[in-house]
C-alpha atoms as a PDB file:
ATOM      1  CA  MET A   1      16.771 -37.083  -9.337  1.00  0.00           C
ATOM      2  CA  ALA A   2      17.581 -34.901  -6.362  1.00  0.00           C
ATOM      3  CA  VAL A   3      20.439 -32.645  -5.382  1.00  0.00           C
ATOM      4  CA  PRO A   4      21.620 -32.086  -1.818  1.00  0.00           C
ATOM      5  CA  LEU A   5      21.460 -28.492  -0.653  1.00  0.00           C
ATOM      6  CA  SER A   6      23.259 -27.354   2.441  1.00  0.00           C
ATOM      7  CA  THR A   7      21.734 -24.792   4.735  1.00  0.00           C
ATOM      8  CA  GLY A   8      23.846 -24.273   7.797  1.00  0.00           C
ATOM      9  CA  ARG A   9      24.624 -27.626   9.382  1.00  0.00           C
ATOM     10  CA  GLN A  10      21.869 -29.635   7.718  1.00  0.00           C
ATOM     11  CA  THR A  11      21.743 -31.025   4.203  1.00  0.00           C
ATOM     12  CA  PHE A  12      18.409 -31.321   2.430  1.00  0.00           C
ATOM     13  CA  ILE A  13      17.520 -33.126  -0.770  1.00  0.00           C
ATOM     14  CA  GLU A  14      15.829 -30.950  -3.411  1.00  0.00           C
ATOM     15  CA  PRO A  15      14.055 -32.806  -6.232  1.00  0.00           C
ATOM     16  CA  ILE A  16      14.909 -31.514  -9.682  1.00  0.00           C
ATOM     17  CA  VAL A  17      13.459 -32.188 -13.119  1.00  0.00           C
ATOM     18  CA  ASN A  18      15.527 -34.203 -15.589  1.00  0.00           C
ATOM     19  CA  ASP A  19      15.425 -32.124 -18.749  1.00  0.00           C
ATOM     20  CA  ASN A  20      18.684 -33.502 -20.211  1.00  0.00           C
ATOM     21  CA  ILE A  21      20.848 -30.756 -18.761  1.00  0.00           C
ATOM     22  CA  PRO A  22      24.365 -31.876 -17.755  1.00  0.00           C
ATOM     23  CA  GLY A  23      24.395 -32.741 -14.084  1.00  0.00           C
ATOM     24  CA  GLU A  24      20.768 -33.841 -14.192  1.00  0.00           C
ATOM     25  CA  THR A  25      20.930 -36.871 -16.469  1.00  0.00           C
ATOM     26  CA  SER A  26      21.914 -39.584 -13.981  1.00  0.00           C
ATOM     27  CA  PRO A  27      19.202 -41.481 -12.148  1.00  0.00           C
ATOM     28  CA  GLY A  28      19.078 -41.519  -8.358  1.00  0.00           C
ATOM     29  CA  PHE A  29      20.569 -39.050  -5.928  1.00  0.00           C
ATOM     30  CA  VAL A  30      23.678 -36.947  -6.323  1.00  0.00           C
ATOM     31  CA  CYS A  31      25.446 -36.829  -3.001  1.00  0.00           C
ATOM     32  CA  LEU A  32      28.442 -34.526  -2.933  1.00  0.00           C
ATOM     33  CA  THR A  33      30.635 -34.522   0.132  1.00  0.00           C
ATOM     34  CA  HIS A  34      31.255 -31.324   2.048  1.00  0.00           C
ATOM     35  CA  ARG A  35      34.700 -31.023   0.408  1.00  0.00           C
ATOM     36  CA  GLU A  36      33.229 -31.607  -3.068  1.00  0.00           C
ATOM     37  CA  ARG A  37      30.655 -28.865  -2.447  1.00  0.00           C
ATOM     38  CA  GLN A  38      33.470 -26.525  -1.329  1.00  0.00           C
ATOM     39  CA  LEU A  39      35.358 -27.179  -4.548  1.00  0.00           C
ATOM     40  CA  ALA A  40      32.254 -26.782  -6.714  1.00  0.00           C
ATOM     41  CA  ARG A  41      31.590 -23.393  -5.099  1.00  0.00           C
ATOM     42  CA  ALA A  42      35.204 -22.322  -5.648  1.00  0.00           C
ATOM     43  CA  VAL A  43      35.020 -23.342  -9.326  1.00  0.00           C
ATOM     44  CA  ALA A  44      31.788 -21.359  -9.653  1.00  0.00           C
ATOM     45  CA  ARG A  45      33.715 -18.366  -8.274  1.00  0.00           C
ATOM     46  CA  SER A  46      36.345 -18.842 -11.045  1.00  0.00           C
ATOM     47  CA  GLU A  47      39.123 -19.891  -8.684  1.00  0.00           C
ATOM     48  CA  THR A  48      42.014 -21.877 -10.155  1.00  0.00           C
ATOM     49  CA  ASN A  49      43.081 -25.265  -8.796  1.00  0.00           C
ATOM     50  CA  ARG A  50      46.128 -23.620  -7.268  1.00  0.00           C
ATOM     51  CA  GLU A  51      43.989 -20.960  -5.530  1.00  0.00           C
ATOM     52  CA  ILE A  52      41.570 -23.603  -4.249  1.00  0.00           C
ATOM     53  CA  ALA A  53      44.439 -25.745  -2.962  1.00  0.00           C
ATOM     54  CA  SER A  54      46.024 -22.812  -1.153  1.00  0.00           C
ATOM     55  CA  GLU A  55      42.732 -21.672   0.376  1.00  0.00           C
ATOM     56  CA  LEU A  56      41.766 -25.147   1.639  1.00  0.00           C
ATOM     57  CA  GLY A  57      45.230 -26.401   2.571  1.00  0.00           C
ATOM     58  CA  LEU A  58      45.234 -29.147  -0.075  1.00  0.00           C
ATOM     59  CA  SER A  59      47.634 -30.163  -2.796  1.00  0.00           C
ATOM     60  CA  VAL A  60      46.822 -29.176  -6.365  1.00  0.00           C
ATOM     61  CA  GLN A  61      46.633 -32.878  -7.247  1.00  0.00           C
ATOM     62  CA  THR A  62      44.030 -33.475  -4.512  1.00  0.00           C
ATOM     63  CA  VAL A  63      41.937 -30.644  -5.946  1.00  0.00           C
ATOM     64  CA  LYS A  64      42.209 -32.169  -9.436  1.00  0.00           C
ATOM     65  CA  ASN A  65      41.258 -35.634  -8.171  1.00  0.00           C
ATOM     66  CA  THR A  66      38.304 -34.339  -6.165  1.00  0.00           C
ATOM     67  CA  LEU A  67      37.006 -32.265  -9.072  1.00  0.00           C
ATOM     68  CA  SER A  68      37.278 -35.348 -11.272  1.00  0.00           C
ATOM     69  CA  CYS A  69      35.007 -37.182  -8.803  1.00  0.00           C
ATOM     70  CA  VAL A  70      32.552 -34.259  -8.849  1.00  0.00           C
ATOM     71  CA  PHE A  71      32.455 -34.263 -12.654  1.00  0.00           C
ATOM     72  CA  GLY A  72      31.774 -37.998 -12.619  1.00  0.00           C
ATOM     73  CA  LYS A  73      29.013 -37.805 -10.010  1.00  0.00           C
ATOM     74  CA  LEU A  74      27.243 -34.995 -11.829  1.00  0.00           C
ATOM     75  CA  GLY A  75      27.856 -36.217 -15.372  1.00  0.00           C
ATOM     76  CA  LEU A  76      29.742 -33.044 -16.273  1.00  0.00           C
ATOM     77  CA  ARG A  77      32.791 -32.592 -18.491  1.00  0.00           C
ATOM     78  CA  SER A  78      34.167 -29.146 -17.692  1.00  0.00           C
ATOM     79  CA  ARG A  79      34.626 -26.452 -15.080  1.00  0.00           C
ATOM     80  CA  VAL A  80      32.229 -24.243 -17.041  1.00  0.00           C
ATOM     81  CA  GLU A  81      29.487 -26.878 -16.812  1.00  0.00           C
ATOM     82  CA  LEU A  82      30.189 -27.262 -13.080  1.00  0.00           C
ATOM     83  CA  ALA A  83      29.992 -23.492 -12.533  1.00  0.00           C
ATOM     84  CA  MET A  84      26.712 -23.340 -14.444  1.00  0.00           C
ATOM     85  CA  TRP A  85      25.315 -26.303 -12.488  1.00  0.00           C
ATOM     86  CA  TYR A  86      26.317 -24.733  -9.187  1.00  0.00           C
ATOM     87  CA  ALA A  87      24.891 -21.334 -10.067  1.00  0.00           C
ATOM     88  CA  ARG A  88      21.612 -22.887 -11.195  1.00  0.00           C
ATOM     89  CA  LYS A  89      21.119 -25.353  -8.345  1.00  0.00           C
ATOM     90  CA  HIS A  90      22.810 -23.791  -5.345  1.00  0.00           C
ATOM     91  CA  GLU A  91      23.289 -20.501  -3.648  1.00  0.00           C
ATOM     92  CA  TRP A  92      24.100 -18.493  -6.784  1.00  0.00           C
ATOM     93  CA  LYS A  93      23.604 -15.193  -4.974  1.00  0.00           C
ATOM     94  CA  ASP A  94      26.216 -16.291  -2.423  1.00  0.00           C
ATOM     95  CA  THR A  95      28.537 -17.265  -5.291  1.00  0.00           C
ATOM     96  CA  LEU A  96      28.383 -13.772  -6.744  1.00  0.00           C
ATOM     97  CA  LYS A  97      28.331 -11.688  -3.551  1.00  0.00           C
ATOM     98  CA  ASP A  98      32.120 -11.516  -3.309  1.00  0.00           C
ATOM     99  CA  PHE A  99      32.235  -9.745  -6.668  1.00  0.00           C
ATOM    100  CA  ASP A 100      30.074  -6.877  -5.427  1.00  0.00           C
ATOM    101  CA  ALA A 101      31.933  -3.654  -4.709  1.00  0.00           C
END
């Protein structure tokens, strides 16, 4: 299985090992859209649906629906699992930088 990673304007596919961790159990490629990656990052930063909606100019229901698609694509069941997946597989340093004083 592989996970797309975005660096600037290009998206690369990074192979990952399937060791029965949520988000890594489905065969094939996981292709999140740009919007889905934005929402995953916001969840990893502990933002609420309302905060995400306000920041991105979306309705709260759109955020809920999009996150539901993300959970399905990654085989995850909760925001905590999504945050852990994002921190492990993406730019975790970038996720945490806004918390630095």
